[in-house]
Protein backbone atom coordinates (compact mmCIF):
# COMPACT_ATOMS: atom_id res chain seq x y z
CA MET A 1 -13.30 -3.12 1.66
CA ILE A 2 -9.68 -2.21 2.34
CA SER A 3 -8.07 -2.33 5.73
CA ALA A 4 -7.07 0.76 7.59
CA ALA A 5 -3.56 -0.69 7.62
CA THR A 6 -3.19 -1.28 3.89
CA LEU A 7 -0.38 0.99 2.94
CA ARG A 8 2.75 0.99 0.87
CA HIS A 9 6.11 2.67 1.21
CA ASP A 10 8.12 3.71 -1.83
CA ALA A 11 11.45 1.85 -1.80
CA PHE A 12 14.37 3.59 -3.45
CA LYS A 13 17.77 2.21 -4.37
CA ALA A 14 20.29 4.63 -5.80
CA PRO A 15 22.93 3.41 -8.25
CA ALA A 16 26.50 3.22 -6.95
CA PRO A 17 27.68 6.44 -8.69
CA THR A 18 24.85 8.40 -7.08
CA ARG A 19 25.56 6.99 -3.64
CA ALA A 20 29.20 8.03 -3.97
CA LEU A 21 28.12 11.64 -4.46
CA PHE A 22 26.40 11.86 -1.08
CA PRO A 23 28.18 9.50 1.34
CA GLU A 24 27.21 11.66 4.31
CA PHE A 25 23.59 10.52 4.29
CA PRO A 26 22.83 7.45 6.44
CA PRO A 27 20.86 4.57 4.94
CA VAL A 28 17.09 4.43 5.29
CA ASP A 29 15.64 1.54 7.29
CA TRP A 30 13.14 -0.09 4.95
CA ALA A 31 12.50 -2.98 7.36
CA ASP A 32 10.38 -0.83 9.62
CA GLY A 33 7.04 -2.44 8.91
CA ASP A 34 6.23 -1.27 5.39
CA THR A 35 2.98 -2.89 4.31
CA VAL A 36 2.28 -3.37 0.62
CA LEU A 37 -1.20 -2.87 -0.79
CA ASN A 38 -2.73 -6.20 -1.73
CA ALA A 39 -0.35 -8.96 -0.74
CA THR A 40 1.69 -10.16 -3.71
CA PRO A 41 1.20 -13.79 -4.77
CA SER A 42 4.26 -16.02 -4.73
CA LYS A 43 5.51 -17.85 -7.83
CA SER A 44 3.12 -20.66 -7.05
CA GLY A 45 0.21 -18.23 -7.00
CA GLU A 46 -0.35 -18.63 -3.27
CA MET A 47 -0.48 -15.65 -0.95
CA ASP A 48 2.77 -15.65 1.03
CA ILE A 49 1.04 -13.62 3.72
CA TRP A 50 -1.02 -16.56 4.97
CA GLY A 51 1.78 -18.65 6.47
CA ALA A 52 0.13 -21.12 8.82
CA ILE A 53 -3.14 -19.15 8.82
CA ARG A 54 -5.89 -20.28 6.47
CA PRO A 55 -9.18 -18.66 5.45
CA GLY A 56 -11.92 -19.65 7.85
CA SER A 57 -9.48 -20.82 10.51
CA ARG A 58 -9.29 -19.34 13.97
CA ILE A 59 -6.05 -17.50 14.73
CA GLU A 60 -4.60 -19.40 17.68
CA GLY A 61 -4.93 -17.65 21.00
CA THR A 62 -7.31 -15.00 19.68
CA PRO A 63 -11.08 -14.61 19.30
CA TYR A 64 -10.65 -13.95 15.57
CA VAL A 65 -11.29 -16.05 12.47
CA ALA A 66 -9.24 -15.16 9.38
CA VAL A 67 -11.32 -14.02 6.40
CA ARG A 68 -8.77 -12.86 3.83
CA PRO A 69 -5.30 -11.32 3.59
CA ILE A 70 -5.20 -7.58 3.04
CA GLY A 71 -1.52 -6.69 2.91
CA GLN A 72 1.98 -7.57 4.00
CA GLY A 73 5.25 -5.83 4.66
CA GLY A 74 8.53 -5.92 6.47
CA MET A 75 7.07 -5.95 9.97
CA GLY A 76 3.42 -6.94 9.89
CA ASP A 77 0.87 -8.95 7.96
CA VAL A 78 -2.67 -7.60 7.78
CA PHE A 79 -5.82 -9.71 7.62
CA GLU A 80 -9.52 -9.11 7.55
CA VAL A 81 -10.86 -11.07 10.51
CA GLU A 82 -14.20 -11.76 12.15
CA HIS A 83 -14.69 -11.72 15.91
CA THR A 84 -16.16 -15.11 16.84
CA ALA A 85 -18.47 -13.74 19.54
CA LEU A 86 -19.45 -10.39 18.06
CA GLY A 87 -19.58 -11.36 14.39
CA LYS A 88 -17.95 -8.01 13.60
CA HIS A 89 -15.16 -7.62 11.07
CA PHE A 90 -11.87 -5.91 11.86
CA ALA A 91 -8.46 -5.41 10.28
CA LEU A 92 -5.86 -7.36 12.25
CA LYS A 93 -2.18 -6.47 11.97
CA MET A 94 0.20 -9.17 13.18
CA LEU A 95 3.96 -9.39 13.54
CA ARG A 96 5.46 -11.56 10.83
CA PRO A 97 6.79 -14.96 11.98
CA SER A 98 10.24 -14.07 10.64
CA HIS A 99 10.44 -11.26 13.22
CA LEU A 100 9.75 -13.31 16.34
CA ARG A 101 13.37 -12.75 17.36
CA ARG A 102 13.11 -8.99 16.86
CA PRO A 103 11.89 -7.60 20.18
CA ASP A 104 12.41 -4.07 18.83
CA LEU A 105 9.81 -4.65 16.11
CA ALA A 106 7.41 -6.25 18.57
CA ALA A 107 7.80 -3.21 20.81
CA ARG A 108 7.25 -0.90 17.87
CA MET A 109 4.02 -2.65 16.96
CA ARG A 110 2.77 -2.38 20.54
CA ASP A 111 3.69 1.31 20.53
CA GLU A 112 1.75 1.84 17.30
CA ALA A 113 -1.37 0.23 18.76
CA ARG A 114 -1.16 2.18 22.02
CA THR A 115 -0.51 5.43 20.19
CA LEU A 116 -3.57 5.01 18.00
CA ALA A 117 -5.71 3.87 20.93
CA ALA A 118 -4.82 7.05 22.81
CA LEU A 119 -5.51 9.32 19.84
CA ARG A 120 -9.27 9.38 19.41
CA HIS A 121 -10.07 11.61 16.44
CA PRO A 122 -12.38 11.34 13.40
CA ASN A 123 -9.40 11.55 11.04
CA LEU A 124 -7.40 8.78 12.74
CA VAL A 125 -8.04 5.06 12.40
CA GLU A 126 -9.46 3.50 15.56
CA VAL A 127 -7.78 0.61 17.42
CA PHE A 128 -9.87 -1.89 19.41
CA ASP A 129 -7.62 -4.66 20.70
CA LEU A 130 -3.97 -5.50 21.40
CA GLY A 131 -2.54 -8.91 22.24
CA SER A 132 -0.14 -11.68 21.27
CA THR A 133 -0.45 -15.26 20.08
CA PRO A 134 0.95 -18.20 22.07
CA ASP A 135 4.08 -18.18 19.91
CA GLY A 136 4.71 -14.51 20.70
CA ARG A 137 3.36 -12.76 17.60
CA VAL A 138 2.06 -9.33 18.62
CA TYR A 139 -1.19 -8.23 16.95
CA PHE A 140 -3.75 -5.48 17.18
CA THR A 141 -7.12 -4.91 15.55
CA MET A 142 -8.44 -1.79 13.87
CA GLU A 143 -11.64 -0.65 12.22
CA MET A 144 -12.26 -1.81 8.66
CA LEU A 145 -12.46 1.02 6.17
CA ALA A 146 -14.27 1.13 2.83
CA GLY A 147 -12.51 3.25 0.24
CA ARG A 148 -9.01 3.69 -1.13
CA ASP A 149 -5.78 5.42 -0.25
CA LEU A 150 -4.85 8.68 -1.95
CA ARG A 151 -2.10 6.98 -3.96
CA ARG A 152 -4.71 4.88 -5.71
CA GLU A 153 -7.00 7.86 -6.08
CA LEU A 154 -4.24 9.89 -7.73
CA ARG A 155 -3.38 7.04 -10.09
CA ARG A 156 -7.03 6.83 -11.06
CA LEU A 157 -7.50 10.56 -11.69
CA GLY A 158 -4.02 11.82 -12.56
CA SER A 159 -4.55 14.83 -10.29
CA LEU A 160 -7.26 16.16 -8.01
CA SER A 161 -9.07 19.46 -8.36
CA VAL A 162 -7.64 22.19 -6.16
CA PRO A 163 -10.76 22.34 -3.91
CA ALA A 164 -10.79 18.55 -3.44
CA ALA A 165 -7.09 18.49 -2.59
CA LEU A 166 -7.45 21.37 -0.12
CA ASN A 167 -10.33 19.64 1.63
CA LEU A 168 -8.52 16.32 2.00
CA VAL A 169 -5.23 17.76 3.21
CA ALA A 170 -7.07 20.01 5.68
CA GLN A 171 -8.69 16.87 7.14
CA ALA A 172 -5.29 15.20 7.40
CA LEU A 173 -3.96 18.26 9.22
CA ASP A 174 -6.85 18.06 11.69
CA GLY A 175 -5.77 14.52 12.54
CA LEU A 176 -2.13 15.55 12.76
CA GLN A 177 -2.99 18.40 15.10
CA ALA A 178 -4.58 15.90 17.50
CA ALA A 179 -1.45 13.74 17.34
CA HIS A 180 0.87 16.70 17.82
CA GLU A 181 -1.08 17.93 20.83
CA ALA A 182 -0.43 14.51 22.34
CA GLY A 183 3.28 14.88 21.58
CA ILE A 184 3.27 12.41 18.68
CA VAL A 185 5.03 13.02 15.35
CA HIS A 186 3.87 10.68 12.56
CA ARG A 187 7.08 10.88 10.46
CA ASP A 188 5.63 9.14 7.40
CA ILE A 189 2.78 11.23 6.02
CA LYS A 190 2.30 10.44 2.33
CA LEU A 191 -0.43 9.51 -0.12
CA ASP A 192 -0.23 5.81 0.75
CA ASN A 193 -0.94 6.54 4.41
CA LEU A 194 -3.94 8.78 3.82
CA PHE A 195 -7.16 6.84 3.29
CA LEU A 196 -10.16 8.34 1.50
CA CYS A 197 -13.30 6.70 2.85
CA ASP A 198 -16.39 6.23 0.71
CA ASP A 199 -18.21 8.88 2.76
CA GLY A 200 -15.61 11.52 1.82
CA SER A 201 -13.81 11.54 5.16
CA LEU A 202 -10.08 10.99 5.42
CA LYS A 203 -8.16 8.79 7.85
CA ILE A 204 -4.45 8.83 8.67
CA LEU A 205 -2.95 5.34 8.69
CA ASP A 206 0.20 3.68 10.02
CA PHE A 207 1.77 5.17 13.10
CA GLY A 208 4.38 2.40 12.97
CA ILE A 209 7.35 4.78 13.04
CA ALA A 210 5.68 7.60 14.97
CA LYS A 211 7.63 8.96 17.91
CA GLN A 212 7.30 11.17 20.92
CA ALA A 213 8.40 14.64 19.81
CA ARG A 214 10.37 15.15 23.02
CA ARG A 215 12.61 12.12 22.48
CA ARG A 216 16.12 12.97 21.47
CA SER A 217 16.65 11.28 18.13
CA SER A 218 14.72 9.90 15.17
CA VAL A 219 17.49 7.42 14.36
CA THR A 220 17.71 3.81 15.49
CA GLY A 221 20.48 1.34 15.00
CA HIS A 222 19.04 0.57 11.57
CA GLY A 223 19.31 4.14 10.25
CA VAL A 224 16.78 6.84 9.43
CA LEU A 225 13.14 5.78 9.49
CA GLY A 226 10.84 7.05 6.78
CA THR A 227 10.32 7.31 3.04
CA ALA A 228 13.07 9.21 1.20
CA ARG A 229 10.67 10.80 -1.28
CA THR A 230 8.53 12.42 1.42
CA MET A 231 10.97 13.08 4.25
CA ALA A 232 11.77 16.57 5.51
CA PRO A 233 15.37 17.82 5.37
CA GLU A 234 15.79 17.40 9.13
CA GLN A 235 14.82 13.72 8.82
CA HIS A 236 17.35 13.16 6.05
CA ALA A 237 20.05 14.86 8.09
CA SER A 238 19.30 12.67 11.14
CA GLY A 239 18.23 15.67 13.17
CA SER A 240 15.42 16.07 15.66
CA VAL A 241 11.85 16.06 14.41
CA ASP A 242 8.73 17.86 15.58
CA ALA A 243 5.29 18.80 14.31
CA ARG A 244 6.79 20.84 11.48
CA THR A 245 8.30 17.65 10.06
CA ASP A 246 4.79 16.36 9.41
CA ILE A 247 3.79 19.76 8.00
CA TYR A 248 6.54 19.43 5.39
CA ALA A 249 5.17 16.04 4.37
CA ALA A 250 1.61 17.39 4.26
CA GLY A 251 2.82 20.13 1.93
CA LEU A 252 4.32 17.49 -0.36
CA VAL A 253 1.00 15.62 -0.34
CA LEU A 254 -0.88 18.76 -1.41
CA TYR A 255 1.76 19.46 -4.05
CA GLU A 256 1.38 16.01 -5.55
CA LEU A 257 -2.42 16.03 -5.46
CA VAL A 258 -2.72 19.25 -7.48
CA ALA A 259 0.33 18.77 -9.73
CA GLY A 260 0.07 15.01 -10.28
CA ARG A 261 3.70 14.52 -9.23
CA GLY A 262 6.18 15.51 -6.57
CA PRO A 263 8.66 18.40 -6.85
CA PHE A 264 11.69 16.15 -7.35
CA ASP A 265 10.25 13.17 -9.21
CA GLU A 266 12.94 13.39 -11.89
CA VAL A 267 15.20 11.60 -9.39
CA ARG A 268 12.52 9.26 -8.09
CA GLY A 269 14.05 5.87 -7.43
CA GLN A 270 17.43 7.37 -6.59
CA GLU A 271 17.54 7.46 -2.80
CA GLN A 272 20.59 9.64 -2.26
CA ALA A 273 19.75 12.07 -5.06
CA MET A 274 16.26 12.44 -3.59
CA ARG A 275 17.73 13.22 -0.19
CA PHE A 276 20.04 15.81 -1.70
CA ALA A 277 17.08 17.43 -3.48
CA HIS A 278 15.03 17.73 -0.29
CA CYS A 279 17.97 19.15 1.62
CA GLU A 280 19.52 21.47 -0.98
CA ARG A 281 17.40 22.10 -4.06
CA ARG A 282 14.73 24.76 -4.40
CA PRO A 283 11.42 23.07 -5.29
CA PRO A 284 9.75 24.26 -8.50
CA PRO A 285 6.28 25.76 -7.95
CA PRO A 286 3.51 23.17 -8.37
CA SER A 287 2.07 25.25 -11.22
CA THR A 288 5.14 24.18 -13.22
CA PHE A 289 3.64 20.70 -13.60
CA ALA A 290 -0.05 21.09 -12.72
CA PRO A 291 -2.58 20.32 -15.47
CA GLN A 292 -4.84 22.97 -13.93
CA GLU A 293 -4.56 26.52 -12.68
CA VAL A 294 -3.19 26.65 -9.14
CA PRO A 295 -4.33 29.86 -7.40
CA ALA A 296 -1.47 31.97 -6.06
CA PRO A 297 -2.54 31.65 -2.38
CA VAL A 298 -2.61 27.84 -2.70
CA GLU A 299 0.82 27.77 -4.31
CA GLU A 300 2.18 30.07 -1.61
CA ALA A 301 0.78 27.78 1.10
CA ILE A 302 2.38 24.71 -0.48
CA LEU A 303 5.77 26.36 -0.86
CA LYS A 304 5.62 27.65 2.71
CA ALA A 305 4.87 24.16 4.02
CA ILE A 306 7.90 22.68 2.23
CA GLU A 307 10.44 25.29 3.24
CA LYS A 308 13.84 23.75 4.02
CA ARG A 309 14.07 25.40 7.44
CA PRO A 310 11.33 24.39 9.90
CA GLU A 311 11.01 27.91 11.33
CA ARG A 312 9.89 29.18 7.91
CA ARG A 313 7.05 26.67 7.61
CA PHE A 314 3.63 26.79 9.20
CA GLN A 315 4.28 26.36 12.89
CA SER A 316 1.35 24.05 13.56
CA ALA A 317 -0.97 21.75 11.66
CA ALA A 318 -3.90 23.86 12.83
CA GLU A 319 -2.35 26.99 11.29
CA MET A 320 -1.85 25.28 7.95
CA ALA A 321 -5.36 23.77 8.02
CA ALA A 322 -6.87 27.22 8.63
CA THR A 323 -4.91 28.65 5.69
CA LEU A 324 -6.04 25.85 3.38
CA ARG A 325 -9.67 26.35 4.38
CA ASP A 326 -9.34 30.07 3.67
CA CYS A 327 -8.02 29.15 0.23
CA LEU A 328 -10.93 26.75 -0.21
CA ALA A 329 -13.43 29.47 0.72
CA ASP A 330 -11.81 31.88 -1.75
CA ALA A 331 -11.93 29.23 -4.47
CA SER A 332 -15.64 28.73 -3.82
CA LYS A 333 -16.32 32.48 -4.01
CA ASN A 334 -14.39 32.86 -7.24
CA ALA A 335 -15.96 29.86 -8.94
CA VAL A 336 -17.91 30.92 -12.02
CA LYS A 337 -21.50 29.76 -11.81
CA MET A 338 -23.02 29.11 -15.20
CA PRO A 339 -26.73 30.08 -15.26
CA SER A 340 -29.08 27.27 -16.12
CA PRO A 341 -30.84 27.78 -19.46
CA THR A 342 -34.41 29.04 -19.25
CA LEU A 343 -37.10 29.08 -21.90
CA VAL A 344 -38.84 32.47 -22.05
CA SER A 345 -42.29 32.59 -23.61
CA PRO A 346 -43.16 35.49 -25.96
CA PRO A 347 -45.47 38.22 -24.62
CA GLY A 348 -49.16 37.35 -24.65
CA ILE A 349 -48.66 33.58 -24.69
CA ASP A 350 -49.31 31.40 -21.65
CA ALA A 351 -45.97 30.08 -20.37
CA ALA A 352 -47.47 26.62 -19.89
CA LEU A 353 -48.54 26.47 -23.56
CA TRP A 354 -45.35 27.91 -25.03
CA PRO A 355 -43.26 24.71 -25.12
CA ARG A 356 -46.12 22.86 -26.85
CA ARG A 357 -46.53 25.62 -29.49
CA LEU A 358 -42.80 25.63 -30.07
CA LEU A 359 -42.87 21.89 -30.68
CA HIS A 360 -45.78 22.21 -33.12
CA ARG A 361 -44.00 24.96 -35.04
CA ALA A 362 -40.83 22.90 -35.22
CA THR A 363 -42.77 19.89 -36.49
CA GLY A 364 -44.50 22.00 -39.11
CA ALA A 365 -41.23 23.47 -40.27
CA LEU A 366 -39.76 20.00 -40.61
CA ASP A 367 -42.75 18.84 -42.70
CA SER A 368 -42.33 21.87 -44.94
CA ILE A 369 -38.68 21.09 -45.46
CA ARG A 370 -39.49 17.49 -46.33
CA GLY A 371 -42.07 18.63 -48.88
CA ARG A 372 -39.55 20.87 -50.58
CA ILE A 373 -36.61 18.49 -50.58
CA PHE A 374 -38.08 15.08 -51.39
CA PRO A 375 -39.85 16.16 -54.64
CA LEU A 376 -36.63 17.66 -55.85
CA ARG A 377 -34.84 14.40 -55.19
CA LEU A 378 -37.54 12.41 -57.00
CA ASN A 379 -37.30 14.64 -60.09
CA VAL A 380 -33.57 14.23 -60.41
CA PRO A 381 -32.90 11.94 -63.44
């Protein structure tokens, strides 16, 4: 099983010449709590994530016993844990020891837990507990999820079928609508933060940089928060964000699922060039890259979602979800159904006996062929 908090941000570093082209863009804060899928072993082969915690040991000041590490990142380490009294397993996210002197990160982790706890929805991961260890490390526990994130799913398949992609993104939009109705903007919707459960349901992960839509700015002292490859133009320009910021990101997710790549992946890895592309360049239609036919209504929905100006996008997650489900219904109606082959018996012959007679005739024909061919072969000098 994989934790609900296993997620990974794409980190981009532009070469110096590229940075010089776009000096107006502020730097992205990559120390915001990015968690990498499957903690990376150190040179010695040991998991750096463990620190003073060992498998089977009780985490001091908590009712949880550590089972295994799940992931690690700039802000939090994630473990699978077992509750000592309940015997139930959870995913526990804990502030890294190196951030004990960062009250802003501790506050952000508390905010993430409280945000998720307040947002009860089938497409959002559920939070059960919030606390801190005696040394001041904030932690919270979440449900354990069995499945994989959409980044892994896309790597496995190359691209998803249009109906599958529509279904998954519509589920994500349902979860986003619940968050938006509560005044919360996620700000980091991407494949890594969308978890496909084994039962086919989808969960939105990581509200670590989510914010109240009514707050004035999305910028902290560390710069813009988010992932350059999936940020809306207004995020890149340090402007205000609202629900339509998440809609832009959801459109990029749908684009990548059906096309197998993002609209500006030719500059992937170049932070400033990627920002310029999202702010200034017209995205090519997903059909440009897709290994499958993308129906016109689906392509129109994607391009509408990733319009540069928020007022030209879908104005709510619910509106976009409804459009995608209409596209899904149309795709189902237009799907060509191949008739299953049927064996029709000749007139006057019992249908139940026909397959047996056909087999007998085929066997007889084969025997006849053998009788004609083998003697010829035997007579060849």
